[in-house]
């Protein structure tokens, strides 16, 4: 499958707490962190820059490509993963949009036809899902939030909350 992504990883709250922002609009500096901190530049592996008529400069991924950052953005307790995506096809296990290693992740069109956000609580993976298939439907804004204090997970599709779950 092929996925086009314009992506941001942000800590909750305001613009000043933004931990990582990746616009992919400067093809000479793909993977550079343009957040106020600017501390988490990424390394692009396989993904290539293309111009999309809707979103402008974007990265295209073919299922084996990725942008890797180290440091987990300081391991924040509250996290928002968000990206503009245009999924043309998903891999059999889904299209992993953003992953913080073994901590949390946002996946589209998983094997069951879901948008899924999930985090690892130290012993098991906890997830929140929303039944939707995005492949072939154009550009969408997707987001997953995790609030550690309440163990609340939420999914957003095109700016609308579509799922929420509180873990006990």
N, C-alpha and C. Protein backbone atom coordinates (compact mmCIF):
# COMPACT_ATOMS: atom_id res chain seq x y z
N UNK A 1 0.81 -1.18 0.00
CA UNK A 1 0.00 0.00 0.00
C UNK A 1 0.85 1.23 0.00
N UNK A 2 0.25 2.35 -0.29
CA UNK A 2 0.96 3.61 -0.30
C UNK A 2 0.21 4.61 0.55
N UNK A 3 0.93 5.30 1.40
CA UNK A 3 0.35 6.30 2.28
C UNK A 3 1.09 7.60 2.09
N UNK A 4 0.37 8.70 2.01
CA UNK A 4 0.96 10.01 1.97
C UNK A 4 0.69 10.64 3.32
N UNK A 5 1.71 11.19 3.97
CA UNK A 5 1.52 11.70 5.32
C UNK A 5 2.14 13.08 5.48
N UNK A 6 1.37 13.96 6.10
CA UNK A 6 1.89 15.19 6.67
C UNK A 6 1.61 15.02 8.14
N UNK A 7 2.61 15.04 8.98
CA UNK A 7 2.44 14.54 10.33
C UNK A 7 2.93 15.51 11.39
N UNK A 8 2.31 15.43 12.57
CA UNK A 8 2.77 16.18 13.74
C UNK A 8 2.61 15.30 14.97
N UNK A 9 3.55 15.40 15.88
CA UNK A 9 3.44 14.76 17.18
C UNK A 9 3.49 15.88 18.19
N UNK A 10 2.47 16.01 18.99
CA UNK A 10 2.42 17.13 19.92
C UNK A 10 2.05 16.67 21.32
N UNK A 11 2.55 17.38 22.29
CA UNK A 11 2.11 17.22 23.66
C UNK A 11 0.80 17.98 23.78
N UNK A 12 -0.07 17.57 24.71
CA UNK A 12 -1.34 18.27 24.89
C UNK A 12 -1.12 19.69 25.36
N UNK A 13 -2.11 20.48 25.28
CA UNK A 13 -2.19 21.86 25.73
C UNK A 13 -1.93 22.84 24.60
N UNK A 14 -0.91 23.67 24.71
CA UNK A 14 -0.78 24.78 23.77
C UNK A 14 0.39 24.62 22.82
N UNK A 15 0.46 25.52 21.85
CA UNK A 15 1.54 25.53 20.86
C UNK A 15 2.91 25.57 21.52
N UNK A 16 3.05 26.25 22.65
CA UNK A 16 4.36 26.36 23.31
C UNK A 16 4.86 25.02 23.83
N UNK A 17 3.97 24.05 24.03
CA UNK A 17 4.40 22.74 24.51
C UNK A 17 4.57 21.73 23.39
N UNK A 18 4.46 22.18 22.16
CA UNK A 18 4.64 21.30 21.00
C UNK A 18 6.00 20.64 21.07
N UNK A 19 6.03 19.32 21.03
CA UNK A 19 7.27 18.57 21.16
C UNK A 19 7.90 18.20 19.83
N UNK A 20 7.10 18.05 18.78
CA UNK A 20 7.63 17.71 17.48
C UNK A 20 6.65 18.07 16.39
N UNK A 21 7.16 18.65 15.30
CA UNK A 21 6.31 19.01 14.17
C UNK A 21 7.09 18.75 12.89
N UNK A 22 6.46 18.02 11.98
CA UNK A 22 7.12 17.61 10.75
C UNK A 22 6.20 17.95 9.59
N UNK A 23 6.54 18.99 8.84
CA UNK A 23 5.66 19.45 7.76
C UNK A 23 6.05 18.85 6.42
N UNK A 24 7.27 18.44 6.24
CA UNK A 24 7.78 17.85 5.01
C UNK A 24 7.66 18.81 3.83
N UNK A 25 7.58 20.12 4.10
CA UNK A 25 7.40 21.07 3.00
C UNK A 25 8.72 21.58 2.43
N UNK A 26 9.84 21.30 3.07
CA UNK A 26 11.14 21.68 2.54
C UNK A 26 11.88 20.40 2.17
N UNK A 27 11.92 20.08 0.90
CA UNK A 27 12.50 18.80 0.47
C UNK A 27 13.98 18.69 0.79
N UNK A 28 14.64 19.81 1.07
CA UNK A 28 16.05 19.77 1.44
C UNK A 28 16.28 19.39 2.89
N UNK A 29 15.23 19.48 3.70
CA UNK A 29 15.37 19.18 5.13
C UNK A 29 14.25 18.26 5.61
N UNK A 30 13.94 17.24 4.86
CA UNK A 30 12.90 16.29 5.26
C UNK A 30 13.26 15.69 6.62
N UNK A 31 12.29 15.58 7.48
CA UNK A 31 12.51 15.00 8.80
C UNK A 31 12.93 16.00 9.85
N UNK A 32 13.12 17.26 9.47
CA UNK A 32 13.50 18.26 10.47
C UNK A 32 12.30 18.62 11.35
N UNK A 33 12.56 18.76 12.63
CA UNK A 33 11.56 19.13 13.62
C UNK A 33 11.42 20.65 13.61
N UNK A 34 10.23 21.15 13.23
CA UNK A 34 10.01 22.59 13.18
C UNK A 34 9.19 23.09 14.38
N UNK A 35 9.14 22.30 15.46
CA UNK A 35 8.45 22.72 16.68
C UNK A 35 9.29 23.79 17.38
N UNK A 36 8.69 24.51 18.36
CA UNK A 36 9.48 25.50 19.09
C UNK A 36 10.76 24.92 19.72
N UNK A 37 10.68 23.69 20.22
CA UNK A 37 11.86 23.06 20.82
C UNK A 37 12.86 22.64 19.75
N UNK A 38 12.37 22.12 18.62
CA UNK A 38 13.23 21.71 17.52
C UNK A 38 14.28 20.69 17.88
N UNK A 39 14.00 19.85 18.87
CA UNK A 39 15.02 18.96 19.41
C UNK A 39 14.95 17.53 18.88
N UNK A 40 13.98 17.22 18.04
CA UNK A 40 13.80 15.81 17.64
C UNK A 40 13.77 15.64 16.13
N UNK A 41 14.85 16.02 15.46
CA UNK A 41 14.92 15.79 14.03
C UNK A 41 14.85 14.30 13.75
N UNK A 42 14.23 13.95 12.62
CA UNK A 42 14.08 12.56 12.26
C UNK A 42 14.93 12.20 11.06
N UNK A 43 15.12 10.91 10.88
CA UNK A 43 15.84 10.38 9.73
C UNK A 43 14.83 9.72 8.81
N UNK A 44 14.80 10.16 7.55
CA UNK A 44 13.86 9.62 6.57
C UNK A 44 14.48 8.36 5.97
N UNK A 45 13.70 7.28 5.97
CA UNK A 45 14.16 6.02 5.39
C UNK A 45 13.17 5.57 4.32
N UNK A 46 13.55 5.72 3.07
CA UNK A 46 12.74 5.23 1.94
C UNK A 46 11.65 6.17 1.47
N UNK A 47 11.05 6.93 2.36
CA UNK A 47 9.96 7.83 1.97
C UNK A 47 10.52 8.92 1.04
N UNK A 48 9.69 9.34 0.10
CA UNK A 48 10.12 10.37 -0.84
C UNK A 48 9.16 11.54 -0.84
N UNK A 49 9.69 12.71 -1.15
CA UNK A 49 8.88 13.91 -1.22
C UNK A 49 8.18 13.98 -2.57
N UNK A 50 6.89 14.32 -2.56
CA UNK A 50 6.12 14.53 -3.78
C UNK A 50 5.24 15.76 -3.56
N UNK A 51 4.75 16.32 -4.65
CA UNK A 51 3.82 17.44 -4.56
C UNK A 51 2.41 16.90 -4.79
N UNK A 52 1.54 17.15 -3.82
CA UNK A 52 0.14 16.74 -3.91
C UNK A 52 -0.70 17.98 -4.20
N UNK A 53 -1.67 17.85 -5.10
CA UNK A 53 -2.51 18.97 -5.48
C UNK A 53 -3.33 19.56 -4.35
N UNK A 54 -3.62 18.78 -3.32
CA UNK A 54 -4.41 19.24 -2.19
C UNK A 54 -3.54 19.76 -1.05
N UNK A 55 -2.52 19.01 -0.67
CA UNK A 55 -1.72 19.31 0.52
C UNK A 55 -0.37 19.96 0.23
N UNK A 56 0.04 20.06 -1.03
CA UNK A 56 1.36 20.62 -1.34
C UNK A 56 2.44 19.57 -1.20
N UNK A 57 3.58 19.94 -0.62
CA UNK A 57 4.68 19.00 -0.43
C UNK A 57 4.35 18.02 0.69
N UNK A 58 4.44 16.74 0.39
CA UNK A 58 4.14 15.67 1.35
C UNK A 58 5.19 14.58 1.19
N UNK A 59 5.17 13.62 2.09
CA UNK A 59 6.00 12.42 1.93
C UNK A 59 5.12 11.28 1.50
N UNK A 60 5.64 10.42 0.66
CA UNK A 60 4.92 9.22 0.25
C UNK A 60 5.66 8.00 0.81
N UNK A 61 4.89 7.09 1.40
CA UNK A 61 5.41 5.88 2.02
C UNK A 61 4.83 4.67 1.30
N UNK A 62 5.62 3.60 1.13
CA UNK A 62 5.12 2.42 0.41
C UNK A 62 4.89 1.21 1.29
N UNK A 63 4.87 1.39 2.60
CA UNK A 63 4.65 0.26 3.51
C UNK A 63 5.92 -0.17 4.22
N UNK A 64 7.08 0.11 3.64
CA UNK A 64 8.35 -0.21 4.28
C UNK A 64 9.11 1.05 4.68
N UNK A 65 8.59 2.21 4.33
CA UNK A 65 9.26 3.48 4.57
C UNK A 65 8.85 4.05 5.92
N UNK A 66 9.70 4.94 6.46
CA UNK A 66 9.38 5.56 7.74
C UNK A 66 10.27 6.78 7.97
N UNK A 67 9.88 7.58 8.95
CA UNK A 67 10.71 8.65 9.48
C UNK A 67 10.91 8.30 10.94
N UNK A 68 12.18 8.20 11.36
CA UNK A 68 12.48 7.76 12.72
C UNK A 68 13.10 8.90 13.52
N UNK A 69 12.54 9.12 14.71
CA UNK A 69 13.09 10.08 15.66
C UNK A 69 13.49 9.31 16.91
N UNK A 70 14.49 9.79 17.62
CA UNK A 70 14.87 9.13 18.86
C UNK A 70 14.49 10.01 20.04
N UNK A 71 14.41 9.42 21.21
CA UNK A 71 14.18 10.18 22.42
C UNK A 71 12.77 10.19 22.94
N UNK A 72 11.81 9.67 22.21
CA UNK A 72 10.40 9.61 22.64
C UNK A 72 9.87 10.95 23.12
N UNK A 73 10.44 12.04 22.64
CA UNK A 73 9.94 13.37 22.95
C UNK A 73 9.91 13.63 24.45
N UNK A 74 10.87 13.06 25.17
CA UNK A 74 10.95 13.28 26.61
C UNK A 74 9.96 12.45 27.40
N UNK A 75 9.34 11.44 26.80
CA UNK A 75 8.37 10.57 27.47
C UNK A 75 7.24 11.34 28.16
N UNK A 76 6.49 12.15 27.42
CA UNK A 76 5.40 12.92 28.04
C UNK A 76 4.29 12.00 28.53
N UNK A 77 3.60 12.43 29.59
CA UNK A 77 2.50 11.64 30.15
C UNK A 77 1.23 11.80 29.33
N UNK A 78 1.02 12.97 28.76
CA UNK A 78 -0.15 13.25 27.95
C UNK A 78 0.32 13.52 26.53
N UNK A 79 -0.28 12.82 25.57
CA UNK A 79 0.23 12.87 24.21
C UNK A 79 -0.91 12.98 23.21
N UNK A 80 -0.65 13.73 22.14
CA UNK A 80 -1.53 13.73 20.98
C UNK A 80 -0.69 13.37 19.77
N UNK A 81 -1.11 12.37 19.03
CA UNK A 81 -0.51 12.01 17.76
C UNK A 81 -1.49 12.45 16.69
N UNK A 82 -1.04 13.24 15.71
CA UNK A 82 -1.96 13.73 14.69
C UNK A 82 -1.24 13.82 13.35
N UNK A 83 -2.00 13.58 12.28
CA UNK A 83 -1.41 13.64 10.94
C UNK A 83 -2.50 13.85 9.90
N UNK A 84 -2.12 14.49 8.81
CA UNK A 84 -2.94 14.50 7.60
C UNK A 84 -2.50 13.29 6.79
N UNK A 85 -3.44 12.44 6.37
CA UNK A 85 -3.09 11.22 5.64
C UNK A 85 -3.98 11.04 4.42
N UNK A 86 -3.42 10.42 3.41
CA UNK A 86 -4.16 10.02 2.22
C UNK A 86 -3.76 8.58 1.95
N UNK A 87 -4.47 7.67 2.55
CA UNK A 87 -4.15 6.25 2.48
C UNK A 87 -4.71 5.65 1.20
N UNK A 88 -3.83 5.17 0.33
CA UNK A 88 -4.29 4.55 -0.91
C UNK A 88 -4.55 3.07 -0.73
N UNK A 89 -3.80 2.43 0.17
CA UNK A 89 -4.00 1.01 0.49
C UNK A 89 -3.30 0.74 1.81
N UNK A 90 -3.80 -0.20 2.57
CA UNK A 90 -3.18 -0.55 3.86
C UNK A 90 -2.49 -1.89 3.76
N UNK A 91 -1.46 -2.07 4.56
CA UNK A 91 -0.84 -3.38 4.67
C UNK A 91 -1.84 -4.31 5.35
N UNK A 92 -1.57 -5.61 5.35
CA UNK A 92 -2.53 -6.56 5.93
C UNK A 92 -2.78 -6.30 7.41
N UNK A 93 -1.80 -5.77 8.14
CA UNK A 93 -2.01 -5.47 9.55
C UNK A 93 -2.38 -4.01 9.78
N UNK A 94 -2.50 -3.23 8.72
CA UNK A 94 -2.88 -1.83 8.83
C UNK A 94 -1.72 -0.90 8.53
N UNK A 95 -2.04 0.37 8.47
CA UNK A 95 -1.05 1.40 8.17
C UNK A 95 -0.70 2.14 9.45
N UNK A 96 0.48 1.89 9.97
CA UNK A 96 0.95 2.57 11.17
C UNK A 96 1.32 3.99 10.78
N UNK A 97 0.58 4.97 11.29
CA UNK A 97 0.81 6.36 10.93
C UNK A 97 1.91 6.96 11.79
N UNK A 98 1.75 6.86 13.10
CA UNK A 98 2.75 7.38 14.04
C UNK A 98 2.88 6.37 15.18
N UNK A 99 4.11 6.11 15.57
CA UNK A 99 4.36 5.19 16.68
C UNK A 99 5.46 5.76 17.55
N UNK A 100 5.24 5.75 18.85
CA UNK A 100 6.29 6.08 19.81
C UNK A 100 6.85 4.76 20.34
N UNK A 101 7.48 4.03 19.46
CA UNK A 101 8.12 2.77 19.83
C UNK A 101 7.19 1.83 20.55
N UNK A 102 7.59 1.43 21.75
CA UNK A 102 6.80 0.49 22.53
C UNK A 102 5.90 1.21 23.54
N UNK A 103 5.51 2.46 23.22
CA UNK A 103 4.69 3.24 24.13
C UNK A 103 3.27 3.44 23.65
N UNK A 104 3.10 4.06 22.48
CA UNK A 104 1.77 4.26 21.93
C UNK A 104 1.85 4.47 20.43
N UNK A 105 0.68 4.30 19.76
CA UNK A 105 0.68 4.33 18.31
C UNK A 105 -0.71 4.66 17.76
N UNK A 106 -0.73 5.11 16.52
CA UNK A 106 -1.97 5.36 15.77
C UNK A 106 -1.89 4.56 14.48
N UNK A 107 -2.88 3.71 14.25
CA UNK A 107 -2.89 2.83 13.07
C UNK A 107 -4.22 2.99 12.34
N UNK A 108 -4.17 2.96 11.01
CA UNK A 108 -5.37 3.05 10.18
C UNK A 108 -5.62 1.75 9.45
N UNK A 109 -6.89 1.50 9.13
CA UNK A 109 -7.31 0.36 8.32
C UNK A 109 -6.61 -0.92 8.76
N UNK A 110 -6.72 -1.23 10.06
CA UNK A 110 -6.10 -2.45 10.56
C UNK A 110 -6.81 -3.67 9.98
N UNK A 111 -6.38 -4.85 10.33
CA UNK A 111 -6.94 -6.08 9.78
C UNK A 111 -8.43 -6.23 9.97
N UNK A 112 -9.01 -5.50 10.93
CA UNK A 112 -10.45 -5.58 11.19
C UNK A 112 -11.22 -4.39 10.62
N UNK A 113 -10.55 -3.52 9.87
CA UNK A 113 -11.21 -2.36 9.29
C UNK A 113 -11.42 -1.23 10.28
N UNK A 114 -10.45 -1.00 11.15
CA UNK A 114 -10.56 0.01 12.19
C UNK A 114 -9.45 1.04 12.13
N UNK A 115 -9.77 2.20 12.64
CA UNK A 115 -8.77 3.19 13.04
C UNK A 115 -8.52 2.88 14.51
N UNK A 116 -7.25 2.72 14.91
CA UNK A 116 -6.95 2.28 16.26
C UNK A 116 -5.83 3.12 16.88
N UNK A 117 -6.05 3.54 18.10
CA UNK A 117 -5.01 4.14 18.91
C UNK A 117 -4.74 3.20 20.06
N UNK A 118 -3.47 3.04 20.43
CA UNK A 118 -3.17 2.11 21.52
C UNK A 118 -1.92 2.53 22.28
N UNK A 119 -1.90 2.17 23.59
CA UNK A 119 -0.75 2.43 24.43
C UNK A 119 -0.44 1.20 25.26
N UNK A 120 0.81 1.12 25.71
CA UNK A 120 1.26 0.01 26.55
C UNK A 120 1.28 0.48 28.00
N UNK A 121 0.55 -0.21 28.88
CA UNK A 121 0.45 0.23 30.27
C UNK A 121 1.48 -0.44 31.18
N UNK A 122 2.44 -1.12 30.61
CA UNK A 122 3.47 -1.80 31.39
C UNK A 122 3.30 -3.30 31.42
N UNK A 123 2.06 -3.76 31.14
CA UNK A 123 1.83 -5.21 31.10
C UNK A 123 1.00 -5.64 29.91
N UNK A 124 0.21 -4.75 29.34
CA UNK A 124 -0.63 -5.11 28.20
C UNK A 124 -0.90 -3.87 27.34
N UNK A 125 -1.26 -4.09 26.08
CA UNK A 125 -1.64 -3.01 25.18
C UNK A 125 -3.11 -2.70 25.38
N UNK A 126 -3.44 -1.45 25.53
CA UNK A 126 -4.82 -0.97 25.66
C UNK A 126 -5.15 -0.18 24.41
N UNK A 127 -6.36 -0.36 23.86
CA UNK A 127 -6.66 0.35 22.63
C UNK A 127 -8.06 0.94 22.62
N UNK A 128 -8.22 1.88 21.71
CA UNK A 128 -9.51 2.48 21.40
C UNK A 128 -9.65 2.36 19.88
N UNK A 129 -10.83 1.97 19.42
CA UNK A 129 -11.01 1.75 17.98
C UNK A 129 -12.25 2.47 17.46
N UNK A 130 -12.21 2.71 16.17
CA UNK A 130 -13.34 3.28 15.46
C UNK A 130 -13.42 2.56 14.12
N UNK A 131 -14.58 1.97 13.83
CA UNK A 131 -14.76 1.22 12.59
C UNK A 131 -14.85 2.17 11.40
N UNK A 132 -13.80 2.17 10.60
CA UNK A 132 -13.78 2.98 9.38
C UNK A 132 -12.66 2.50 8.48
N UNK A 133 -12.86 2.61 7.20
CA UNK A 133 -11.83 2.30 6.22
C UNK A 133 -11.54 3.58 5.46
N UNK A 134 -10.29 4.03 5.52
CA UNK A 134 -9.92 5.29 4.90
C UNK A 134 -9.23 5.14 3.55
N UNK A 135 -8.74 3.94 3.24
CA UNK A 135 -8.04 3.74 1.97
C UNK A 135 -8.93 4.13 0.80
N UNK A 136 -8.38 4.96 -0.07
CA UNK A 136 -9.10 5.35 -1.28
C UNK A 136 -10.12 6.46 -1.09
N UNK A 137 -10.16 7.08 0.10
CA UNK A 137 -11.18 8.11 0.35
C UNK A 137 -10.61 9.52 0.41
N UNK A 138 -9.34 9.70 0.05
CA UNK A 138 -8.73 11.03 0.01
C UNK A 138 -8.07 11.42 1.32
N UNK A 139 -7.82 12.72 1.45
CA UNK A 139 -7.12 13.25 2.62
C UNK A 139 -8.03 13.32 3.84
N UNK A 140 -7.47 12.93 4.98
CA UNK A 140 -8.17 12.99 6.26
C UNK A 140 -7.20 13.43 7.34
N UNK A 141 -7.73 14.15 8.33
CA UNK A 141 -6.93 14.47 9.50
C UNK A 141 -7.29 13.45 10.57
N UNK A 142 -6.29 12.74 11.08
CA UNK A 142 -6.50 11.72 12.10
C UNK A 142 -5.72 12.10 13.35
N UNK A 143 -6.28 11.79 14.51
CA UNK A 143 -5.59 12.10 15.76
C UNK A 143 -5.96 11.08 16.83
N UNK A 144 -5.01 10.84 17.71
CA UNK A 144 -5.17 9.96 18.87
C UNK A 144 -4.61 10.69 20.07
N UNK A 145 -5.39 10.77 21.14
CA UNK A 145 -4.90 11.41 22.36
C UNK A 145 -4.90 10.41 23.51
N UNK A 146 -3.93 10.58 24.38
CA UNK A 146 -3.87 9.77 25.60
C UNK A 146 -3.60 10.71 26.77
N UNK A 147 -4.49 10.65 27.77
CA UNK A 147 -4.36 11.44 28.99
C UNK A 147 -4.01 10.46 30.11
N UNK A 148 -2.79 10.53 30.60
CA UNK A 148 -2.31 9.57 31.58
C UNK A 148 -3.04 9.66 32.92
N UNK A 149 -3.38 10.87 33.37
CA UNK A 149 -4.02 11.03 34.67
C UNK A 149 -5.33 10.24 34.77
N UNK A 150 -6.13 10.27 33.71
CA UNK A 150 -7.39 9.55 33.72
C UNK A 150 -7.37 8.28 32.90
N UNK A 151 -6.19 7.95 32.32
CA UNK A 151 -6.07 6.81 31.40
C UNK A 151 -7.15 6.86 30.33
N UNK A 152 -7.39 8.04 29.78
CA UNK A 152 -8.42 8.22 28.76
C UNK A 152 -7.77 8.29 27.38
N UNK A 153 -8.30 7.50 26.46
CA UNK A 153 -7.85 7.51 25.07
C UNK A 153 -8.99 8.03 24.20
N UNK A 154 -8.64 8.84 23.19
CA UNK A 154 -9.65 9.36 22.27
C UNK A 154 -9.12 9.31 20.85
N UNK A 155 -10.03 9.08 19.91
CA UNK A 155 -9.72 9.12 18.49
C UNK A 155 -10.52 10.24 17.84
N UNK A 156 -9.89 10.92 16.89
CA UNK A 156 -10.54 11.99 16.13
C UNK A 156 -10.34 11.73 14.65
N UNK A 157 -11.39 11.98 13.88
CA UNK A 157 -11.33 11.87 12.43
C UNK A 157 -11.88 13.17 11.86
N UNK A 158 -11.07 13.85 11.10
CA UNK A 158 -11.45 15.13 10.48
C UNK A 158 -12.01 16.11 11.51
N UNK A 159 -11.36 16.17 12.67
CA UNK A 159 -11.71 17.14 13.70
C UNK A 159 -12.86 16.76 14.61
N UNK A 160 -13.42 15.58 14.41
CA UNK A 160 -14.57 15.13 15.22
C UNK A 160 -14.15 13.93 16.07
N UNK A 161 -14.43 14.00 17.38
CA UNK A 161 -14.15 12.85 18.23
C UNK A 161 -15.06 11.71 17.82
N UNK A 162 -14.47 10.55 17.50
CA UNK A 162 -15.26 9.40 17.04
C UNK A 162 -15.23 8.22 18.01
N UNK A 163 -14.30 8.26 18.99
CA UNK A 163 -14.24 7.17 19.97
C UNK A 163 -13.50 7.66 21.20
N UNK A 164 -13.88 7.10 22.36
CA UNK A 164 -13.23 7.43 23.62
C UNK A 164 -13.39 6.26 24.56
N UNK A 165 -12.36 6.00 25.35
CA UNK A 165 -12.44 4.96 26.35
C UNK A 165 -11.54 5.32 27.52
N UNK A 166 -12.03 5.05 28.73
CA UNK A 166 -11.25 5.25 29.94
C UNK A 166 -10.89 3.89 30.50
N UNK A 167 -9.61 3.65 30.70
CA UNK A 167 -9.16 2.39 31.26
C UNK A 167 -9.21 2.48 32.77
N UNK A 168 -9.54 1.38 33.45
CA UNK A 168 -9.59 1.38 34.91
C UNK A 168 -8.34 0.78 35.49
